[in-house]
Amino acid sequence: MMSGRLAGFDIGGTNIRAEVLASGAGAHDARRSDRPGSMAGIVEVICEMVCGMEEALAEPVAALGVGCAGLVDRSGVVATSPNIPAIADFPLRSLLTERLRRPVVVENDATAALRGEMEGGAASGLADALLVTFGTGIGAALLLDGEIRRGAHGLAGEAGHMIVAPDGPECLCGRRGCWEQLASGEALGRAARQAAGAGKAPALRDRAAGRIDALRGEHVGELATAGDPVARRLLREFSSWVALGLNNLILVLSPEVIVLGGGLSELGEVFLAPVRDALAKIFVEQGRRPSVEVRRARHGDRAGVIGAAHLARDALGGPDLHRAGGRAR
């Protein structure tokens, strides 16, 4: 393994986060930059951040991992990214490798988050787990038999586009009834806007200062936490769609634990409790299968950068820091 530090990057809808793995009691560096609107700009910012880290730590970055939402194949090409319209067939890994002259790993952001949760997080020490992120859309990553599984072409985990309601809302992918159109943070926000617009949710209208179009899923969670009955009803109805998709994934993958991440997971038990209740009612093989524990992701928005750095370590063949494997297949 090359000498130097390992850095993880997370390309989000509005910014790029980065973090260098701490080495014992050594110095640590974490950075954030606004995300450029072009593919060339993204490459430039990441390169500048690497140089800044090396200057701050007076030590080279030996390798870096990058997590990005969207379809990321085994060669590190990001075909599309839902929150970054500029991305189309983006050869991110090859461009960064050419510029930085060091090993680069590029993965889907959910895969990176799962790898992060395997390091002292909610998936630590497990051999079989499923991480599902609920934000603007829905992403998923799979830990099976102690290894992260990516599928034949590296595109496994696109659970958000399972069709759960053929006559449901139209999805950006062009089909109807995709899971993320009914169970994502955006779906919860849409339900809130519809209820407020129909005059059925005065507290939500007040929470948005009358700007119904500004209501988001987090507002429902905040009011549900405060005990608002309309918000709690919306969250229960929403949770039934979350549970439907989770049930389907359990039947196919049989995980020991499901880790819920993404923005909605920050609501804690206000989100998790109704999901667990709905899953208990809908799980068709309850009593014939072992129960599946539903946990909240532990590392929050740091999971992606932590995991990306460890995926770089894995690719370099460095010491394996988690207890259950970790090679990405």
Protein backbone atom coordinates (compact mmCIF):
# COMPACT_ATOMS: atom_id res chain seq x y z
CA MET A 1 0.00 0.00 0.00
CA MET A 2 1.24 3.49 -0.84
CA SER A 3 2.25 5.74 2.03
CA GLY A 4 0.01 8.65 2.84
CA ARG A 5 -3.55 9.33 3.84
CA LEU A 6 -6.86 8.19 2.40
CA ALA A 7 -9.53 10.72 1.50
CA GLY A 8 -13.26 10.30 0.98
CA PHE A 9 -15.47 12.58 -1.10
CA ASP A 10 -19.25 12.85 -1.32
CA ILE A 11 -20.72 14.68 -4.33
CA GLY A 12 -24.11 16.02 -3.31
CA GLY A 13 -26.79 18.10 -4.92
CA THR A 14 -25.43 21.37 -3.53
CA ASN A 15 -21.90 20.74 -2.28
CA ILE A 16 -18.92 18.42 -2.25
CA ARG A 17 -17.76 17.13 1.13
CA ALA A 18 -14.39 15.61 1.85
CA GLU A 19 -12.62 14.05 4.78
CA VAL A 20 -9.22 12.49 5.37
CA LEU A 21 -9.14 9.36 7.49
CA ALA A 22 -7.42 10.03 10.79
CA SER A 23 -4.21 8.08 11.31
CA GLY A 24 -3.92 7.23 14.99
CA ALA A 25 -3.67 10.52 16.84
CA GLY A 26 -2.55 12.34 13.69
CA ALA A 27 -4.10 15.45 12.20
CA HIS A 28 -7.45 15.26 10.46
CA ASP A 29 -8.85 17.40 7.66
CA ALA A 30 -12.49 17.90 6.66
CA ARG A 31 -13.63 20.25 3.91
CA ARG A 32 -16.72 21.35 2.05
CA SER A 33 -17.05 23.23 -1.23
CA ASP A 34 -19.96 24.42 -3.33
CA ARG A 35 -20.63 21.95 -6.12
CA PRO A 36 -19.94 23.36 -9.60
CA GLY A 37 -22.59 23.04 -12.29
CA SER A 38 -20.40 21.23 -14.81
CA MET A 39 -18.55 17.92 -14.94
CA ALA A 40 -15.23 19.67 -15.62
CA GLY A 41 -15.87 21.92 -12.62
CA ILE A 42 -16.49 18.94 -10.35
CA VAL A 43 -13.15 17.40 -11.34
CA GLU A 44 -11.37 20.73 -10.79
CA VAL A 45 -12.86 21.26 -7.32
CA ILE A 46 -11.97 17.74 -6.16
CA CYS A 47 -8.38 18.20 -7.36
CA GLU A 48 -8.14 21.55 -5.56
CA MET A 49 -9.50 19.99 -2.37
CA VAL A 50 -6.93 17.20 -2.51
CA CYS A 51 -4.13 19.74 -2.91
CA GLY A 52 -5.50 21.75 0.03
CA MET A 53 -5.60 18.66 2.22
CA GLU A 54 -2.02 17.76 1.41
CA GLU A 55 -0.84 21.27 2.22
CA ALA A 56 -2.76 21.35 5.51
CA LEU A 57 -1.51 17.94 6.66
CA ALA A 58 1.98 18.12 5.11
CA GLU A 59 1.38 14.56 3.96
CA PRO A 60 0.27 13.12 0.62
CA VAL A 61 -3.18 11.73 -0.09
CA ALA A 62 -2.32 8.23 -1.32
CA ALA A 63 -5.74 7.41 -2.73
CA LEU A 64 -9.28 8.71 -2.70
CA GLY A 65 -12.78 7.34 -2.86
CA VAL A 66 -15.70 9.27 -4.28
CA GLY A 67 -19.40 8.63 -3.68
CA CYS A 68 -21.91 10.10 -6.10
CA ALA A 69 -25.66 9.63 -6.40
CA GLY A 70 -26.80 7.98 -9.61
CA LEU A 71 -25.88 5.09 -11.86
CA VAL A 72 -22.20 4.35 -11.32
CA ASP A 73 -20.74 1.40 -13.21
CA ARG A 74 -17.71 -0.73 -12.38
CA SER A 75 -15.38 1.49 -14.41
CA GLY A 76 -16.30 4.56 -12.36
CA VAL A 77 -18.48 6.19 -15.01
CA VAL A 78 -21.51 8.06 -13.65
CA ALA A 79 -24.14 7.58 -16.33
CA THR A 80 -26.73 9.86 -14.73
CA SER A 81 -27.26 11.59 -11.38
CA PRO A 82 -30.74 12.64 -10.26
CA ASN A 83 -29.76 15.87 -8.50
CA ILE A 84 -26.95 16.94 -10.84
CA PRO A 85 -28.44 17.53 -14.31
CA ALA A 86 -25.03 18.31 -15.80
CA ILE A 87 -23.85 14.72 -15.29
CA ALA A 88 -24.19 12.45 -18.30
CA ASP A 89 -21.79 9.58 -19.03
CA PHE A 90 -19.25 11.20 -16.71
CA PRO A 91 -15.93 9.22 -16.66
CA LEU A 92 -15.13 10.55 -13.20
CA ARG A 93 -12.68 7.87 -12.15
CA SER A 94 -10.52 8.09 -15.28
CA LEU A 95 -10.51 11.90 -15.25
CA LEU A 96 -9.44 12.08 -11.59
CA THR A 97 -6.84 9.33 -12.03
CA GLU A 98 -5.35 11.20 -14.99
CA ARG A 99 -5.23 14.50 -13.11
CA LEU A 100 -4.09 13.24 -9.70
CA ARG A 101 -1.90 10.29 -10.73
CA ARG A 102 -3.02 8.10 -7.85
CA PRO A 103 -5.66 5.40 -7.25
CA VAL A 104 -9.27 6.57 -7.33
CA VAL A 105 -12.44 4.62 -6.52
CA VAL A 106 -15.85 5.95 -7.63
CA GLU A 107 -19.01 4.38 -6.20
CA ASN A 108 -22.70 5.07 -5.83
CA ASP A 109 -23.30 7.21 -2.73
CA ALA A 110 -25.47 4.58 -1.02
CA THR A 111 -22.68 2.01 -1.40
CA ALA A 112 -20.25 4.47 0.13
CA ALA A 113 -22.67 5.16 2.99
CA LEU A 114 -23.04 1.44 3.69
CA ARG A 115 -19.27 1.04 3.81
CA GLY A 116 -19.16 3.94 6.25
CA GLU A 117 -21.82 2.38 8.48
CA MET A 118 -19.69 -0.78 8.58
CA GLU A 119 -17.01 1.23 10.39
CA GLY A 120 -18.37 1.67 13.89
CA GLY A 121 -21.84 2.40 12.55
CA ALA A 122 -25.19 0.66 12.37
CA ALA A 123 -23.83 -2.12 10.12
CA SER A 124 -20.68 -2.76 12.15
CA GLY A 125 -19.94 -6.45 12.64
CA LEU A 126 -22.78 -7.67 10.43
CA ALA A 127 -22.55 -10.14 7.57
CA ASP A 128 -25.96 -9.44 6.02
CA ALA A 129 -27.48 -5.98 6.01
CA LEU A 130 -29.36 -3.64 3.75
CA LEU A 131 -28.90 0.13 3.83
CA VAL A 132 -31.71 2.23 2.36
CA THR A 133 -31.45 6.00 2.09
CA PHE A 134 -34.57 8.15 2.06
CA GLY A 135 -33.96 11.62 0.73
CA THR A 136 -35.06 13.32 -2.47
CA GLY A 137 -35.11 9.79 -3.90
CA ILE A 138 -34.37 6.33 -2.52
CA GLY A 139 -31.06 4.51 -2.79
CA ALA A 140 -29.92 1.17 -1.43
CA ALA A 141 -26.77 -0.86 -0.90
CA LEU A 142 -26.34 -4.52 -0.07
CA LEU A 143 -24.07 -6.36 2.36
CA LEU A 144 -24.52 -10.10 1.77
CA ASP A 145 -22.38 -12.89 3.20
CA GLY A 146 -19.91 -10.32 4.52
CA GLU A 147 -19.31 -8.52 1.25
CA ILE A 148 -20.75 -5.47 -0.45
CA ARG A 149 -22.53 -6.71 -3.56
CA ARG A 150 -22.74 -4.46 -6.60
CA GLY A 151 -24.19 -6.77 -9.25
CA ALA A 152 -22.89 -7.80 -12.66
CA HIS A 153 -22.33 -4.25 -13.91
CA GLY A 154 -22.00 -2.41 -10.62
CA LEU A 155 -25.55 -1.06 -10.76
CA ALA A 156 -27.26 -3.03 -7.98
CA GLY A 157 -29.21 -1.16 -5.33
CA GLU A 158 -31.55 0.98 -7.45
CA ALA A 159 -34.44 0.06 -5.18
CA GLY A 160 -36.12 3.42 -5.61
CA HIS A 161 -37.29 2.38 -9.07
CA MET A 162 -39.06 -0.79 -8.02
CA ILE A 163 -42.65 -0.39 -9.20
CA VAL A 164 -44.96 -0.72 -6.20
CA ALA A 165 -48.09 0.96 -7.65
CA PRO A 166 -48.46 0.60 -11.45
CA ASP A 167 -51.05 3.39 -11.55
CA GLY A 168 -49.11 5.63 -9.17
CA PRO A 169 -47.40 8.98 -9.73
CA GLU A 170 -45.20 9.45 -12.77
CA CYS A 171 -41.49 9.14 -12.04
CA LEU A 172 -38.60 11.07 -13.59
CA CYS A 173 -37.49 7.77 -15.10
CA GLY A 174 -40.61 7.82 -17.30
CA ARG A 175 -42.56 5.04 -15.57
CA ARG A 176 -45.34 5.20 -13.00
CA GLY A 177 -45.49 4.00 -9.43
CA CYS A 178 -41.78 3.77 -8.62
CA TRP A 179 -41.16 3.29 -4.90
CA GLU A 180 -39.39 6.62 -4.52
CA GLN A 181 -42.45 8.45 -5.88
CA LEU A 182 -44.38 7.17 -2.85
CA ALA A 183 -41.81 6.68 -0.10
CA SER A 184 -39.05 9.31 -0.49
CA GLY A 185 -38.65 12.59 1.32
CA GLU A 186 -39.97 14.32 -1.77
CA ALA A 187 -43.07 12.08 -1.70
CA LEU A 188 -43.75 13.01 1.93
CA GLY A 189 -43.34 16.67 1.07
CA ARG A 190 -45.76 16.31 -1.82
CA ALA A 191 -48.35 14.73 0.50
CA ALA A 192 -47.88 17.67 2.89
CA ARG A 193 -48.38 20.20 0.10
CA GLN A 194 -51.53 18.44 -1.08
CA ALA A 195 -53.00 18.34 2.44
CA ALA A 196 -52.18 21.98 3.11
CA GLY A 197 -53.50 23.06 -0.28
CA ALA A 198 -56.79 21.31 0.44
CA GLY A 199 -57.11 23.13 3.76
CA LYS A 200 -56.65 19.92 5.75
CA ALA A 201 -53.35 20.80 7.43
CA PRO A 202 -53.44 24.27 9.02
CA ALA A 203 -50.35 23.63 11.14
CA LEU A 204 -48.36 22.71 8.03
CA ARG A 205 -49.57 25.83 6.26
CA ASP A 206 -48.52 27.91 9.26
CA ARG A 207 -45.15 26.11 9.45
CA ALA A 208 -44.42 27.24 5.89
CA ALA A 209 -45.66 30.78 6.58
CA GLY A 210 -48.36 30.27 3.97
CA ARG A 211 -45.90 29.17 1.25
CA ILE A 212 -47.35 25.77 0.55
CA ASP A 213 -44.87 25.10 -2.25
CA ALA A 214 -42.06 25.31 0.33
CA LEU A 215 -43.34 22.42 2.46
CA ARG A 216 -40.97 19.46 2.68
CA GLY A 217 -40.96 16.08 4.35
CA GLU A 218 -38.90 17.38 7.27
CA HIS A 219 -41.71 19.80 8.15
CA VAL A 220 -44.08 16.85 8.54
CA GLY A 221 -41.56 15.18 10.82
CA GLU A 222 -41.08 18.28 12.94
CA LEU A 223 -44.82 18.69 13.47
CA ALA A 224 -45.30 14.97 14.09
CA THR A 225 -42.63 15.21 16.80
CA ALA A 226 -44.60 18.07 18.34
CA GLY A 227 -47.75 15.92 18.34
CA ASP A 228 -49.71 17.45 15.46
CA PRO A 229 -52.39 14.85 14.55
CA VAL A 230 -52.47 15.66 10.82
CA ALA A 231 -48.68 15.35 10.52
CA ARG A 232 -48.76 12.05 12.40
CA ARG A 233 -51.48 10.72 10.10
CA LEU A 234 -49.50 11.74 7.02
CA LEU A 235 -46.41 10.03 8.42
CA ARG A 236 -48.36 6.82 9.15
CA GLU A 237 -49.77 6.73 5.62
CA PHE A 238 -46.34 7.44 4.18
CA SER A 239 -44.75 4.74 6.35
CA SER A 240 -47.02 2.11 4.82
CA TRP A 241 -45.38 2.76 1.44
CA VAL A 242 -41.92 2.65 3.02
CA ALA A 243 -42.80 -0.70 4.61
CA LEU A 244 -44.15 -2.14 1.36
CA GLY A 245 -40.83 -1.64 -0.39
CA LEU A 246 -38.83 -2.88 2.59
CA ASN A 247 -40.98 -6.02 2.71
CA ASN A 248 -40.19 -6.74 -0.94
CA LEU A 249 -36.47 -6.31 -0.30
CA ILE A 250 -36.58 -8.54 2.78
CA LEU A 251 -38.20 -11.36 0.82
CA VAL A 252 -35.52 -11.22 -1.86
CA LEU A 253 -32.41 -10.48 0.23
CA SER A 254 -33.19 -11.75 3.77
CA PRO A 255 -30.97 -9.26 5.64
CA GLU A 256 -30.35 -9.48 9.37
CA VAL A 257 -30.66 -5.71 9.74
CA ILE A 258 -32.04 -2.86 7.67
CA VAL A 259 -30.27 0.46 8.19
CA LEU A 260 -32.32 3.53 7.30
CA GLY A 261 -30.30 6.56 6.24
CA GLY A 262 -30.79 9.79 4.36
CA GLY A 263 -32.49 12.98 5.46
CA LEU A 264 -35.65 11.35 6.80
CA SER A 265 -33.64 9.14 9.14
CA GLU A 266 -32.59 12.30 10.99
CA LEU A 267 -36.15 12.39 12.38
CA GLY A 268 -35.26 9.37 14.52
CA GLU A 269 -38.06 7.38 16.12
CA VAL A 270 -40.75 9.68 14.72
CA PHE A 271 -39.88 8.10 11.36
CA LEU A 272 -38.61 4.69 12.46
CA ALA A 273 -41.44 3.74 14.82
CA PRO A 274 -44.31 3.98 12.28
CA VAL A 275 -42.13 2.23 9.68
CA ARG A 276 -41.52 -0.66 12.09
CA ASP A 277 -45.23 -0.83 12.91
CA ALA A 278 -46.26 -0.84 9.25
CA LEU A 279 -43.62 -3.44 8.40
CA ALA A 280 -44.83 -5.72 11.19
CA LYS A 281 -48.34 -5.61 9.66
CA ILE A 282 -47.32 -6.14 6.05
CA PHE A 283 -44.49 -8.69 6.38
CA VAL A 284 -46.15 -11.63 4.65
CA GLU A 285 -43.95 -14.35 6.14
CA GLN A 286 -43.97 -13.12 9.72
CA GLY A 287 -43.74 -16.06 12.07
CA ARG A 288 -41.98 -18.21 9.47
CA ARG A 289 -38.84 -16.08 9.13
CA PRO A 290 -36.58 -14.52 11.75
CA SER A 291 -37.47 -10.91 12.44
CA VAL A 292 -35.47 -8.18 10.73
CA GLU A 293 -34.24 -5.31 12.89
CA VAL A 294 -34.70 -1.79 11.54
CA ARG A 295 -32.01 0.64 12.71
CA ARG A 296 -31.16 4.26 12.08
CA ALA A 297 -27.83 5.04 10.36
CA ARG A 298 -25.34 6.14 13.01
CA HIS A 299 -22.87 8.32 11.12
CA GLY A 300 -25.41 10.71 9.63
CA ASP A 301 -24.17 12.78 6.72
CA ARG A 302 -20.56 11.66 7.37
CA ALA A 303 -21.28 8.05 6.36
CA GLY A 304 -20.60 8.70 2.69
CA VAL A 305 -17.18 10.32 3.09
CA ILE A 306 -16.08 7.80 5.72
CA GLY A 307 -17.18 4.93 3.49
CA ALA A 308 -15.62 6.37 0.35
CA ALA A 309 -12.24 6.60 2.07
CA HIS A 310 -12.51 3.00 3.28
CA LEU A 311 -13.50 1.83 -0.20
CA ALA A 312 -10.25 3.39 -1.40
CA ARG A 313 -8.43 1.45 1.32
CA ASP A 314 -10.17 -1.75 0.22
CA ALA A 315 -9.14 -1.19 -3.40
CA LEU A 316 -5.52 -0.69 -2.38
CA GLY A 317 -5.56 -3.96 -0.45
CA GLY A 318 -4.89 -2.22 2.85
CA PRO A 319 -5.78 -3.55 6.31
CA ASP A 320 -9.44 -4.52 6.55
CA LEU A 321 -10.91 -2.53 9.40
CA HIS A 322 -14.38 -4.01 9.65
CA ARG A 323 -15.27 -7.42 10.99
CA ALA A 324 -17.29 -8.93 8.20
CA GLY A 325 -15.37 -8.61 4.94
CA GLY A 326 -15.96 -5.53 2.86
CA ARG A 327 -14.70 -6.30 -0.64
CA ALA A 328 -17.00 -4.73 -3.17
CA ARG A 329 -18.22 -7.15 -5.81
